[in-house]
Amino acid sequence: MPNRRSVPRGTLRLLSFSTLTGLAVLLWAEAIHWRASRRGFPLGAPPHIPRGSSGTIVVLGIANRGQDANAVNRWRARMALRSVPVGTTTTIITSGGAVRGPIPEATLLARHLRTELGWHGPLHEEPASRSTWENIRNVTPWLEDAAWIMLVSNSVHAEKARAYLRRQRPDLADRLVPARDHRFGEMTLFKPVLAVVGLIKLRSLR
């Protein structure tokens, strides 16, 4: 009687290889985001923001087709909120136009921050930008008096935004401080795609 196997020969080996490859890709993406979250800041940037200071957090939107903030925009809103330094006067600016949907990304972000995340501090919307370059250019009027500035997005995109601020307004870029944009294991499945796209755009930028 022929020997019947429950699975074809080599299936377990293929599954093991696929699993290890997938884990390697996820770890690579985490490393790329971790590295990006620590780059593009002025030398000697303060590790801690002093209590009583006044600063601004800019949240950069991503293309959003629907009537509500999508998963990545909700993620960015959470990053912004957890980045607010304790004991400071912090203004949040949401930035992004209606690139893919009927409602500006800035409005969707602001709505999510207010209604879902409970942000009650100062909040401004910049609803006209259609690119990261325009994001930075259009929010600079709100940054003039900020003692410190955070640019919040997924880490690789935020690194590009910091480079744009350095090109447009190096005086303001000297006030950049790190946000809490990277957490290991957070939105893990999104990070490989965001890392690849971000690295391509950073390479073209350089």
N, C-alpha and C. Protein backbone atom coordinates (compact mmCIF):
# COMPACT_ATOMS: atom_id res chain seq x y z
N MET A 1 0.86 -1.19 0.00
CA MET A 1 0.00 0.00 0.00
C MET A 1 0.89 1.24 0.00
N PRO A 2 0.64 2.23 -0.90
CA PRO A 2 1.52 3.39 -0.98
C PRO A 2 1.51 4.20 0.31
N ASN A 3 2.65 4.78 0.57
CA ASN A 3 2.81 5.62 1.75
C ASN A 3 2.18 6.98 1.48
N ARG A 4 1.18 7.31 2.24
CA ARG A 4 0.51 8.59 2.04
C ARG A 4 0.99 9.61 3.08
N ARG A 5 1.43 10.71 2.56
CA ARG A 5 1.91 11.77 3.46
C ARG A 5 0.78 12.77 3.71
N SER A 6 0.74 13.30 4.90
CA SER A 6 -0.30 14.28 5.22
C SER A 6 -0.06 15.60 4.52
N VAL A 7 1.20 15.92 4.23
CA VAL A 7 1.54 17.14 3.50
C VAL A 7 2.61 16.78 2.48
N PRO A 8 2.69 17.53 1.38
CA PRO A 8 3.72 17.27 0.38
C PRO A 8 5.12 17.43 0.97
N ARG A 9 6.05 16.69 0.40
CA ARG A 9 7.44 16.76 0.84
C ARG A 9 7.95 18.21 0.72
N GLY A 10 8.59 18.67 1.73
CA GLY A 10 9.19 20.00 1.71
C GLY A 10 8.30 21.12 2.19
N THR A 11 7.02 20.80 2.48
CA THR A 11 6.10 21.86 2.89
C THR A 11 6.52 22.50 4.20
N LEU A 12 6.89 21.69 5.18
CA LEU A 12 7.29 22.25 6.47
C LEU A 12 8.54 23.09 6.34
N ARG A 13 9.47 22.65 5.50
CA ARG A 13 10.68 23.44 5.28
C ARG A 13 10.34 24.78 4.63
N LEU A 14 9.43 24.76 3.67
CA LEU A 14 9.00 25.99 3.01
C LEU A 14 8.31 26.93 3.99
N LEU A 15 7.45 26.36 4.84
CA LEU A 15 6.77 27.19 5.83
C LEU A 15 7.76 27.81 6.80
N SER A 16 8.75 27.04 7.22
CA SER A 16 9.76 27.56 8.14
C SER A 16 10.55 28.67 7.49
N PHE A 17 10.94 28.46 6.22
CA PHE A 17 11.68 29.49 5.50
C PHE A 17 10.85 30.76 5.34
N SER A 18 9.57 30.59 4.99
CA SER A 18 8.69 31.74 4.80
C SER A 18 8.51 32.51 6.11
N THR A 19 8.36 31.77 7.20
CA THR A 19 8.18 32.42 8.50
C THR A 19 9.43 33.21 8.90
N LEU A 20 10.59 32.60 8.73
CA LEU A 20 11.84 33.29 9.07
C LEU A 20 12.06 34.50 8.19
N THR A 21 11.73 34.37 6.90
CA THR A 21 11.87 35.51 5.99
C THR A 21 10.95 36.65 6.40
N GLY A 22 9.71 36.30 6.73
CA GLY A 22 8.76 37.33 7.17
C GLY A 22 9.22 38.04 8.43
N LEU A 23 9.72 37.26 9.38
CA LEU A 23 10.22 37.87 10.62
C LEU A 23 11.41 38.77 10.34
N ALA A 24 12.29 38.34 9.42
CA ALA A 24 13.46 39.16 9.08
C ALA A 24 13.04 40.49 8.46
N VAL A 25 12.01 40.44 7.60
CA VAL A 25 11.53 41.67 6.97
C VAL A 25 10.94 42.61 8.02
N LEU A 26 10.17 42.06 8.95
CA LEU A 26 9.57 42.89 9.99
C LEU A 26 10.63 43.50 10.89
N LEU A 27 11.64 42.73 11.25
CA LEU A 27 12.72 43.25 12.09
C LEU A 27 13.52 44.31 11.34
N TRP A 28 13.75 44.07 10.05
CA TRP A 28 14.45 45.08 9.23
C TRP A 28 13.67 46.40 9.22
N ALA A 29 12.36 46.31 9.02
CA ALA A 29 11.55 47.53 8.99
C ALA A 29 11.56 48.23 10.34
N GLU A 30 11.51 47.47 11.42
CA GLU A 30 11.60 48.09 12.76
C GLU A 30 12.93 48.83 12.92
N ALA A 31 14.02 48.21 12.46
CA ALA A 31 15.34 48.84 12.58
C ALA A 31 15.41 50.12 11.76
N ILE A 32 14.82 50.11 10.56
CA ILE A 32 14.83 51.30 9.71
C ILE A 32 14.07 52.44 10.38
N HIS A 33 12.91 52.12 10.94
CA HIS A 33 12.13 53.16 11.62
C HIS A 33 12.83 53.65 12.88
N TRP A 34 13.42 52.73 13.62
CA TRP A 34 14.14 53.14 14.84
C TRP A 34 15.28 54.09 14.50
N ARG A 35 16.05 53.76 13.46
CA ARG A 35 17.17 54.63 13.06
C ARG A 35 16.66 55.99 12.60
N ALA A 36 15.60 55.99 11.79
CA ALA A 36 15.06 57.25 11.28
C ALA A 36 14.56 58.14 12.40
N SER A 37 14.02 57.55 13.45
CA SER A 37 13.46 58.34 14.55
C SER A 37 14.53 59.11 15.32
N ARG A 38 15.80 58.79 15.07
CA ARG A 38 16.90 59.42 15.79
C ARG A 38 17.78 60.29 14.90
N ARG A 39 17.34 60.53 13.66
CA ARG A 39 18.16 61.29 12.73
C ARG A 39 17.50 62.60 12.35
N GLY A 40 18.34 63.55 11.93
CA GLY A 40 17.85 64.82 11.43
C GLY A 40 17.63 65.87 12.47
N PHE A 41 18.22 65.69 13.64
CA PHE A 41 18.08 66.68 14.71
C PHE A 41 19.37 67.48 14.86
N PRO A 42 19.26 68.70 15.36
CA PRO A 42 20.49 69.49 15.58
C PRO A 42 21.38 68.84 16.62
N LEU A 43 22.68 69.04 16.46
CA LEU A 43 23.61 68.53 17.46
C LEU A 43 23.33 69.18 18.80
N GLY A 44 23.33 68.38 19.83
CA GLY A 44 23.08 68.91 21.16
C GLY A 44 21.63 69.17 21.46
N ALA A 45 20.72 68.56 20.66
CA ALA A 45 19.30 68.71 20.95
C ALA A 45 19.00 68.19 22.35
N PRO A 46 18.23 68.94 23.14
CA PRO A 46 18.01 68.54 24.54
C PRO A 46 17.29 67.20 24.65
N PRO A 47 17.79 66.29 25.50
CA PRO A 47 17.11 65.00 25.67
C PRO A 47 15.77 65.14 26.37
N HIS A 48 15.62 66.21 27.16
CA HIS A 48 14.37 66.45 27.87
C HIS A 48 13.93 67.89 27.64
N ILE A 49 12.65 68.07 27.37
CA ILE A 49 12.12 69.41 27.15
C ILE A 49 11.74 70.00 28.51
N PRO A 50 12.21 71.20 28.82
CA PRO A 50 11.96 71.76 30.15
C PRO A 50 10.49 72.06 30.39
N ARG A 51 10.07 71.84 31.62
CA ARG A 51 8.71 72.22 32.02
C ARG A 51 8.54 73.73 31.89
N GLY A 52 7.35 74.13 31.52
CA GLY A 52 7.07 75.55 31.38
C GLY A 52 7.37 76.11 30.00
N SER A 53 8.00 75.31 29.14
CA SER A 53 8.32 75.80 27.80
C SER A 53 7.09 75.69 26.89
N SER A 54 7.16 76.42 25.78
CA SER A 54 6.06 76.41 24.81
C SER A 54 6.58 75.88 23.48
N GLY A 55 5.88 74.92 22.94
CA GLY A 55 6.34 74.33 21.68
C GLY A 55 5.18 73.90 20.81
N THR A 56 5.52 73.38 19.63
CA THR A 56 4.53 73.01 18.64
C THR A 56 4.80 71.62 18.10
N ILE A 57 3.74 70.83 17.99
CA ILE A 57 3.80 69.51 17.37
C ILE A 57 3.02 69.57 16.05
N VAL A 58 3.70 69.25 14.96
CA VAL A 58 3.06 69.22 13.65
C VAL A 58 2.79 67.76 13.28
N VAL A 59 1.53 67.43 13.02
CA VAL A 59 1.16 66.08 12.61
C VAL A 59 0.91 66.10 11.11
N LEU A 60 1.65 65.28 10.38
CA LEU A 60 1.55 65.24 8.93
C LEU A 60 0.56 64.16 8.51
N GLY A 61 -0.41 64.53 7.68
CA GLY A 61 -1.42 63.58 7.26
C GLY A 61 -0.96 62.71 6.09
N ILE A 62 -1.70 61.64 5.88
CA ILE A 62 -1.48 60.75 4.74
C ILE A 62 -2.78 60.67 3.95
N ALA A 63 -2.67 60.38 2.64
CA ALA A 63 -3.85 60.32 1.78
C ALA A 63 -4.97 59.49 2.42
N ASN A 64 -6.17 60.06 2.44
CA ASN A 64 -7.29 59.47 3.17
C ASN A 64 -8.54 59.58 2.32
N ARG A 65 -9.08 58.45 1.89
CA ARG A 65 -10.23 58.46 0.98
C ARG A 65 -11.57 58.64 1.68
N GLY A 66 -11.70 58.22 2.90
CA GLY A 66 -13.01 58.16 3.54
C GLY A 66 -13.39 59.41 4.29
N GLN A 67 -14.46 59.26 5.06
CA GLN A 67 -15.00 60.35 5.87
C GLN A 67 -14.39 60.40 7.27
N ASP A 68 -13.62 59.37 7.61
CA ASP A 68 -12.99 59.30 8.92
C ASP A 68 -11.49 59.04 8.73
N ALA A 69 -10.72 59.34 9.76
CA ALA A 69 -9.28 59.12 9.70
C ALA A 69 -8.98 57.64 9.50
N ASN A 70 -8.10 57.35 8.56
CA ASN A 70 -7.75 55.95 8.31
C ASN A 70 -6.75 55.46 9.36
N ALA A 71 -6.34 54.21 9.23
CA ALA A 71 -5.50 53.60 10.27
C ALA A 71 -4.19 54.34 10.47
N VAL A 72 -3.55 54.76 9.37
CA VAL A 72 -2.26 55.44 9.50
C VAL A 72 -2.43 56.82 10.09
N ASN A 73 -3.47 57.55 9.70
CA ASN A 73 -3.69 58.86 10.30
C ASN A 73 -4.05 58.74 11.78
N ARG A 74 -4.81 57.72 12.15
CA ARG A 74 -5.10 57.52 13.57
C ARG A 74 -3.82 57.22 14.34
N TRP A 75 -2.95 56.44 13.74
CA TRP A 75 -1.65 56.13 14.34
C TRP A 75 -0.85 57.40 14.56
N ARG A 76 -0.80 58.24 13.55
CA ARG A 76 -0.04 59.50 13.67
C ARG A 76 -0.64 60.41 14.74
N ALA A 77 -1.96 60.42 14.84
CA ALA A 77 -2.59 61.22 15.90
C ALA A 77 -2.19 60.71 17.28
N ARG A 78 -2.15 59.38 17.45
CA ARG A 78 -1.71 58.82 18.73
C ARG A 78 -0.26 59.20 19.02
N MET A 79 0.59 59.15 18.00
CA MET A 79 1.99 59.55 18.19
C MET A 79 2.07 60.98 18.72
N ALA A 80 1.29 61.86 18.11
CA ALA A 80 1.33 63.26 18.51
C ALA A 80 0.93 63.42 19.96
N LEU A 81 -0.16 62.75 20.35
CA LEU A 81 -0.67 62.93 21.71
C LEU A 81 0.32 62.40 22.75
N ARG A 82 0.92 61.25 22.49
CA ARG A 82 1.85 60.71 23.48
C ARG A 82 3.18 61.46 23.49
N SER A 83 3.42 62.30 22.46
CA SER A 83 4.66 63.07 22.40
C SER A 83 4.58 64.39 23.16
N VAL A 84 3.37 64.77 23.59
CA VAL A 84 3.21 66.05 24.30
C VAL A 84 4.01 66.00 25.60
N PRO A 85 4.99 66.89 25.77
CA PRO A 85 5.81 66.85 26.99
C PRO A 85 5.01 67.31 28.21
N VAL A 86 5.22 66.65 29.31
CA VAL A 86 4.53 66.99 30.55
C VAL A 86 4.94 68.38 31.02
N GLY A 87 3.96 69.16 31.43
CA GLY A 87 4.26 70.46 32.02
C GLY A 87 4.59 71.55 31.02
N THR A 88 4.26 71.35 29.76
CA THR A 88 4.55 72.36 28.74
C THR A 88 3.26 72.93 28.17
N THR A 89 3.37 74.06 27.49
CA THR A 89 2.27 74.60 26.71
C THR A 89 2.49 74.16 25.27
N THR A 90 1.68 73.22 24.82
CA THR A 90 1.89 72.59 23.52
C THR A 90 0.74 72.89 22.58
N THR A 91 1.08 73.34 21.40
CA THR A 91 0.12 73.54 20.33
C THR A 91 0.29 72.43 19.30
N ILE A 92 -0.80 71.82 18.88
CA ILE A 92 -0.75 70.80 17.84
C ILE A 92 -1.29 71.41 16.54
N ILE A 93 -0.55 71.17 15.46
CA ILE A 93 -0.99 71.58 14.13
C ILE A 93 -1.15 70.33 13.28
N THR A 94 -2.33 70.15 12.69
CA THR A 94 -2.53 69.05 11.75
C THR A 94 -2.39 69.61 10.34
N SER A 95 -1.72 68.86 9.47
CA SER A 95 -1.41 69.40 8.15
C SER A 95 -1.72 68.37 7.07
N GLY A 96 -2.44 68.80 6.05
CA GLY A 96 -2.73 67.94 4.90
C GLY A 96 -4.03 68.32 4.24
N GLY A 97 -4.02 68.37 2.91
CA GLY A 97 -5.21 68.73 2.16
C GLY A 97 -6.05 67.52 1.80
N ALA A 98 -7.07 67.77 1.00
CA ALA A 98 -7.96 66.71 0.53
C ALA A 98 -7.36 66.08 -0.73
N VAL A 99 -6.32 65.29 -0.54
CA VAL A 99 -5.57 64.73 -1.66
C VAL A 99 -6.31 63.59 -2.33
N ARG A 100 -6.89 62.68 -1.56
CA ARG A 100 -7.56 61.50 -2.12
C ARG A 100 -9.06 61.44 -1.78
N GLY A 101 -9.51 62.26 -0.87
CA GLY A 101 -10.90 62.19 -0.46
C GLY A 101 -11.52 63.57 -0.36
N PRO A 102 -12.76 63.66 0.08
CA PRO A 102 -13.47 64.94 0.13
C PRO A 102 -13.11 65.83 1.31
N ILE A 103 -12.48 65.26 2.33
CA ILE A 103 -12.20 66.01 3.56
C ILE A 103 -10.68 66.13 3.72
N PRO A 104 -10.16 67.32 4.02
CA PRO A 104 -8.71 67.47 4.21
C PRO A 104 -8.18 66.55 5.31
N GLU A 105 -7.00 66.03 5.07
CA GLU A 105 -6.35 65.18 6.07
C GLU A 105 -6.22 65.91 7.41
N ALA A 106 -5.93 67.21 7.33
CA ALA A 106 -5.78 68.00 8.56
C ALA A 106 -7.06 67.97 9.38
N THR A 107 -8.21 68.06 8.72
CA THR A 107 -9.49 68.05 9.42
C THR A 107 -9.77 66.69 10.04
N LEU A 108 -9.47 65.64 9.30
CA LEU A 108 -9.68 64.29 9.84
C LEU A 108 -8.80 64.04 11.06
N LEU A 109 -7.54 64.47 10.99
CA LEU A 109 -6.63 64.32 12.12
C LEU A 109 -7.12 65.12 13.32
N ALA A 110 -7.50 66.38 13.07
CA ALA A 110 -7.95 67.24 14.17
C ALA A 110 -9.21 66.68 14.83
N ARG A 111 -10.13 66.19 14.00
CA ARG A 111 -11.36 65.61 14.53
C ARG A 111 -11.06 64.39 15.40
N HIS A 112 -10.14 63.55 14.94
CA HIS A 112 -9.79 62.36 15.71
C HIS A 112 -9.12 62.74 17.03
N LEU A 113 -8.24 63.74 16.97
CA LEU A 113 -7.57 64.19 18.20
C LEU A 113 -8.57 64.73 19.21
N ARG A 114 -9.54 65.48 18.74
CA ARG A 114 -10.52 66.08 19.65
C ARG A 114 -11.52 65.05 20.17
N THR A 115 -12.17 64.34 19.26
CA THR A 115 -13.32 63.54 19.65
C THR A 115 -12.95 62.15 20.16
N GLU A 116 -11.90 61.56 19.61
CA GLU A 116 -11.55 60.20 19.98
C GLU A 116 -10.42 60.14 21.01
N LEU A 117 -9.47 61.04 20.92
CA LEU A 117 -8.31 61.00 21.81
C LEU A 117 -8.37 62.03 22.93
N GLY A 118 -9.34 62.94 22.87
CA GLY A 118 -9.57 63.84 23.99
C GLY A 118 -8.58 64.97 24.14
N TRP A 119 -7.98 65.43 23.04
CA TRP A 119 -7.07 66.57 23.12
C TRP A 119 -7.86 67.85 23.27
N HIS A 120 -7.58 68.62 24.34
CA HIS A 120 -8.30 69.85 24.61
C HIS A 120 -7.40 71.08 24.53
N GLY A 121 -6.16 70.89 24.14
CA GLY A 121 -5.24 72.01 24.04
C GLY A 121 -5.38 72.75 22.72
N PRO A 122 -4.50 73.74 22.50
CA PRO A 122 -4.54 74.50 21.24
C PRO A 122 -4.35 73.58 20.03
N LEU A 123 -5.16 73.80 19.01
CA LEU A 123 -5.13 72.94 17.83
C LEU A 123 -5.46 73.78 16.60
N HIS A 124 -4.58 73.72 15.60
CA HIS A 124 -4.80 74.44 14.35
C HIS A 124 -4.78 73.44 13.19
N GLU A 125 -5.54 73.76 12.15
CA GLU A 125 -5.56 72.93 10.94
C GLU A 125 -4.93 73.68 9.78
N GLU A 126 -4.10 72.97 9.04
CA GLU A 126 -3.53 73.50 7.79
C GLU A 126 -4.04 72.59 6.69
N PRO A 127 -5.13 72.96 5.98
CA PRO A 127 -5.83 72.02 5.10
C PRO A 127 -5.51 72.15 3.61
N ALA A 128 -4.42 72.82 3.26
CA ALA A 128 -4.16 73.08 1.85
C ALA A 128 -3.04 72.24 1.25
N SER A 129 -2.15 71.68 2.05
CA SER A 129 -0.95 71.01 1.53
C SER A 129 -1.29 69.75 0.75
N ARG A 130 -0.53 69.52 -0.31
CA ARG A 130 -0.71 68.32 -1.13
C ARG A 130 0.59 67.52 -1.25
N SER A 131 1.59 67.90 -0.50
CA SER A 131 2.87 67.18 -0.49
C SER A 131 3.57 67.49 0.82
N THR A 132 4.60 66.71 1.14
CA THR A 132 5.35 66.96 2.37
C THR A 132 6.05 68.31 2.32
N TRP A 133 6.57 68.67 1.15
CA TRP A 133 7.22 69.98 1.01
C TRP A 133 6.24 71.10 1.35
N GLU A 134 5.01 70.98 0.85
CA GLU A 134 4.00 71.99 1.15
C GLU A 134 3.58 71.94 2.61
N ASN A 135 3.50 70.73 3.20
CA ASN A 135 3.22 70.63 4.63
C ASN A 135 4.14 71.55 5.42
N ILE A 136 5.43 71.40 5.16
CA ILE A 136 6.42 72.17 5.92
C ILE A 136 6.31 73.66 5.60
N ARG A 137 6.21 73.98 4.33
CA ARG A 137 6.13 75.40 3.95
C ARG A 137 4.92 76.08 4.57
N ASN A 138 3.78 75.39 4.59
CA ASN A 138 2.54 76.03 5.02
C ASN A 138 2.38 76.14 6.53
N VAL A 139 3.13 75.34 7.29
CA VAL A 139 2.98 75.44 8.75
C VAL A 139 4.00 76.39 9.38
N THR A 140 4.99 76.83 8.62
CA THR A 140 6.05 77.65 9.23
C THR A 140 5.55 78.92 9.93
N PRO A 141 4.48 79.56 9.47
CA PRO A 141 4.02 80.73 10.23
C PRO A 141 3.66 80.42 11.67
N TRP A 142 3.21 79.19 11.95
CA TRP A 142 2.86 78.81 13.31
C TRP A 142 4.08 78.41 14.15
N LEU A 143 5.22 78.27 13.51
CA LEU A 143 6.41 77.78 14.21
C LEU A 143 7.34 78.89 14.68
N GLU A 144 7.09 80.10 14.24
CA GLU A 144 8.04 81.19 14.48
C GLU A 144 8.35 81.40 15.96
N ASP A 145 7.34 81.29 16.81
CA ASP A 145 7.53 81.58 18.23
C ASP A 145 7.70 80.34 19.09
N ALA A 146 7.79 79.17 18.47
CA ALA A 146 7.91 77.93 19.24
C ALA A 146 9.33 77.76 19.76
N ALA A 147 9.44 77.42 21.04
CA ALA A 147 10.76 77.17 21.62
C ALA A 147 11.32 75.83 21.14
N TRP A 148 10.43 74.90 20.85
CA TRP A 148 10.82 73.59 20.32
C TRP A 148 9.76 73.12 19.34
N ILE A 149 10.17 72.25 18.42
CA ILE A 149 9.29 71.80 17.34
C ILE A 149 9.43 70.30 17.18
N MET A 150 8.29 69.61 17.08
CA MET A 150 8.27 68.19 16.72
C MET A 150 7.52 68.03 15.40
N LEU A 151 8.04 67.20 14.52
CA LEU A 151 7.34 66.82 13.29
C LEU A 151 6.96 65.35 13.43
N VAL A 152 5.68 65.08 13.43
CA VAL A 152 5.19 63.73 13.75
C VAL A 152 4.61 63.06 12.51
N SER A 153 5.12 61.88 12.25
CA SER A 153 4.63 60.99 11.22
C SER A 153 5.26 59.64 11.50
N ASN A 154 5.05 58.64 10.60
CA ASN A 154 5.87 57.45 10.77
C ASN A 154 7.32 57.86 10.60
N SER A 155 8.23 57.18 11.24
CA SER A 155 9.58 57.70 11.49
C SER A 155 10.35 58.07 10.22
N VAL A 156 10.24 57.26 9.17
CA VAL A 156 11.00 57.55 7.95
C VAL A 156 10.44 58.79 7.26
N HIS A 157 9.13 58.92 7.24
CA HIS A 157 8.53 60.12 6.67
C HIS A 157 8.87 61.36 7.49
N ALA A 158 8.87 61.23 8.80
CA ALA A 158 9.22 62.36 9.65
C ALA A 158 10.67 62.80 9.41
N GLU A 159 11.55 61.84 9.14
CA GLU A 159 12.94 62.20 8.84
C GLU A 159 13.00 63.07 7.57
N LYS A 160 12.23 62.69 6.56
CA LYS A 160 12.18 63.49 5.34
C LYS A 160 11.64 64.89 5.63
N ALA A 161 10.60 64.98 6.45
CA ALA A 161 10.03 66.28 6.79
C ALA A 161 11.05 67.16 7.50
N ARG A 162 11.86 66.56 8.38
CA ARG A 162 12.90 67.34 9.06
C ARG A 162 13.93 67.86 8.06
N ALA A 163 14.25 67.04 7.06
CA ALA A 163 15.19 67.49 6.03
C ALA A 163 14.60 68.66 5.24
N TYR A 164 13.31 68.60 4.96
CA TYR A 164 12.67 69.71 4.25
C TYR A 164 12.68 70.99 5.09
N LEU A 165 12.41 70.86 6.38
CA LEU A 165 12.46 72.05 7.24
C LEU A 165 13.87 72.63 7.26
N ARG A 166 14.86 71.74 7.29
CA ARG A 166 16.26 72.22 7.27
C ARG A 166 16.55 72.99 5.99
N ARG A 167 15.99 72.56 4.88
CA ARG A 167 16.22 73.24 3.60
C ARG A 167 15.46 74.56 3.52
N GLN A 168 14.23 74.56 4.02
CA GLN A 168 13.40 75.75 3.90
C GLN A 168 13.72 76.80 4.97
N ARG A 169 13.86 76.34 6.21
CA ARG A 169 14.06 77.26 7.32
C ARG A 169 15.06 76.65 8.30
N PRO A 170 16.35 76.77 8.00
CA PRO A 170 17.34 76.17 8.91
C PRO A 170 17.29 76.74 10.32
N ASP A 171 16.83 77.98 10.46
CA ASP A 171 16.73 78.56 11.79
C ASP A 171 15.69 77.83 12.63
N LEU A 172 14.57 77.44 12.00
CA LEU A 172 13.55 76.68 12.71
C LEU A 172 13.98 75.24 12.93
N ALA A 173 14.72 74.68 11.99
CA ALA A 173 15.19 73.30 12.13
C ALA A 173 16.11 73.14 13.33
N ASP A 174 16.76 74.21 13.74
CA ASP A 174 17.61 74.15 14.93
C ASP A 174 16.82 73.96 16.21
N ARG A 175 15.50 74.08 16.13
CA ARG A 175 14.65 73.89 17.31
C ARG A 175 13.98 72.51 17.33
N LEU A 176 14.31 71.66 16.37
CA LEU A 176 13.69 70.34 16.30
C LEU A 176 14.09 69.48 17.50
N VAL A 177 13.11 68.76 18.02
CA VAL A 177 13.35 67.79 19.09
C VAL A 177 12.63 66.49 18.72
N PRO A 178 13.09 65.36 19.24
CA PRO A 178 12.47 64.08 18.87
C PRO A 178 11.06 63.93 19.43
N ALA A 179 10.21 63.32 18.62
CA ALA A 179 8.88 62.90 19.07
C ALA A 179 8.93 61.43 19.46
N ARG A 180 7.89 60.97 20.07
CA ARG A 180 7.79 59.54 20.44
C ARG A 180 7.08 58.80 19.31
N ASP A 181 7.75 58.79 18.15
CA ASP A 181 7.11 58.23 16.97
C ASP A 181 7.41 56.76 16.75
N HIS A 182 8.38 56.21 17.44
CA HIS A 182 8.70 54.80 17.22
C HIS A 182 8.45 53.98 18.47
N ARG A 183 7.66 52.94 18.29
CA ARG A 183 7.48 51.92 19.32
C ARG A 183 7.63 50.56 18.67
N PHE A 184 8.48 49.75 19.24
CA PHE A 184 8.71 48.43 18.67
C PHE A 184 7.43 47.62 18.70
N GLY A 185 7.07 47.04 17.55
CA GLY A 185 5.89 46.19 17.47
C GLY A 185 4.60 46.92 17.19
N GLU A 186 4.64 48.25 17.09
CA GLU A 186 3.43 49.02 16.81
C GLU A 186 3.22 49.14 15.30
N MET A 187 2.03 48.80 14.82
CA MET A 187 1.70 48.87 13.39
C MET A 187 2.76 48.14 12.55
N THR A 188 3.18 46.99 13.05
CA THR A 188 4.30 46.26 12.45
C THR A 188 4.07 45.92 10.99
N LEU A 189 2.87 45.52 10.64
CA LEU A 189 2.62 45.08 9.27
C LEU A 189 2.67 46.23 8.27
N PHE A 190 2.47 47.46 8.74
CA PHE A 190 2.56 48.62 7.86
C PHE A 190 4.01 49.05 7.62
N LYS A 191 4.86 48.76 8.56
CA LYS A 191 6.20 49.35 8.55
C LYS A 191 7.08 48.93 7.37
N PRO A 192 7.03 47.68 6.90
CA PRO A 192 7.88 47.35 5.74
C PRO A 192 7.57 48.22 4.52
N VAL A 193 6.29 48.40 4.20
CA VAL A 193 5.93 49.22 3.04
C VAL A 193 6.34 50.67 3.27
N LEU A 194 6.06 51.19 4.46
CA LEU A 194 6.43 52.57 4.76
C LEU A 194 7.95 52.76 4.73
N ALA A 195 8.68 51.74 5.17
CA ALA A 195 10.15 51.83 5.14
C ALA A 195 10.67 51.86 3.71
N VAL A 196 10.15 50.99 2.85
CA VAL A 196 10.61 50.95 1.45
C VAL A 196 10.30 52.27 0.75
N VAL A 197 9.06 52.73 0.86
CA VAL A 197 8.67 53.98 0.21
C VAL A 197 9.49 55.15 0.77
N GLY A 198 9.65 55.17 2.09
CA GLY A 198 10.40 56.26 2.71
C GLY A 198 11.85 56.29 2.31
N LEU A 199 12.49 55.13 2.24
CA LEU A 199 13.89 55.07 1.86
C LEU A 199 14.10 55.51 0.41
N ILE A 200 13.18 55.13 -0.47
CA ILE A 200 13.28 55.57 -1.87
C ILE A 200 13.21 57.08 -1.95
N LYS A 201 12.28 57.66 -1.20
CA LYS A 201 12.11 59.12 -1.26
C LYS A 201 13.29 59.84 -0.60
N LEU A 202 13.81 59.26 0.47
CA LEU A 202 15.00 59.86 1.09
C LEU A 202 16.20 59.82 0.15
N ARG A 203 16.33 58.71 -0.57
CA ARG A 203 17.45 58.59 -1.51
C ARG A 203 17.34 59.64 -2.61
N SER A 204 16.12 59.84 -3.13
CA SER A 204 15.94 60.85 -4.17
C SER A 204 16.18 62.25 -3.62
N LEU A 205 15.83 62.44 -2.35
CA LEU A 205 16.05 63.73 -1.70
C LEU A 205 17.53 64.04 -1.62
N ARG A 206 18.34 63.04 -1.29
CA ARG A 206 19.77 63.27 -1.17
C ARG A 206 20.43 63.46 -2.54
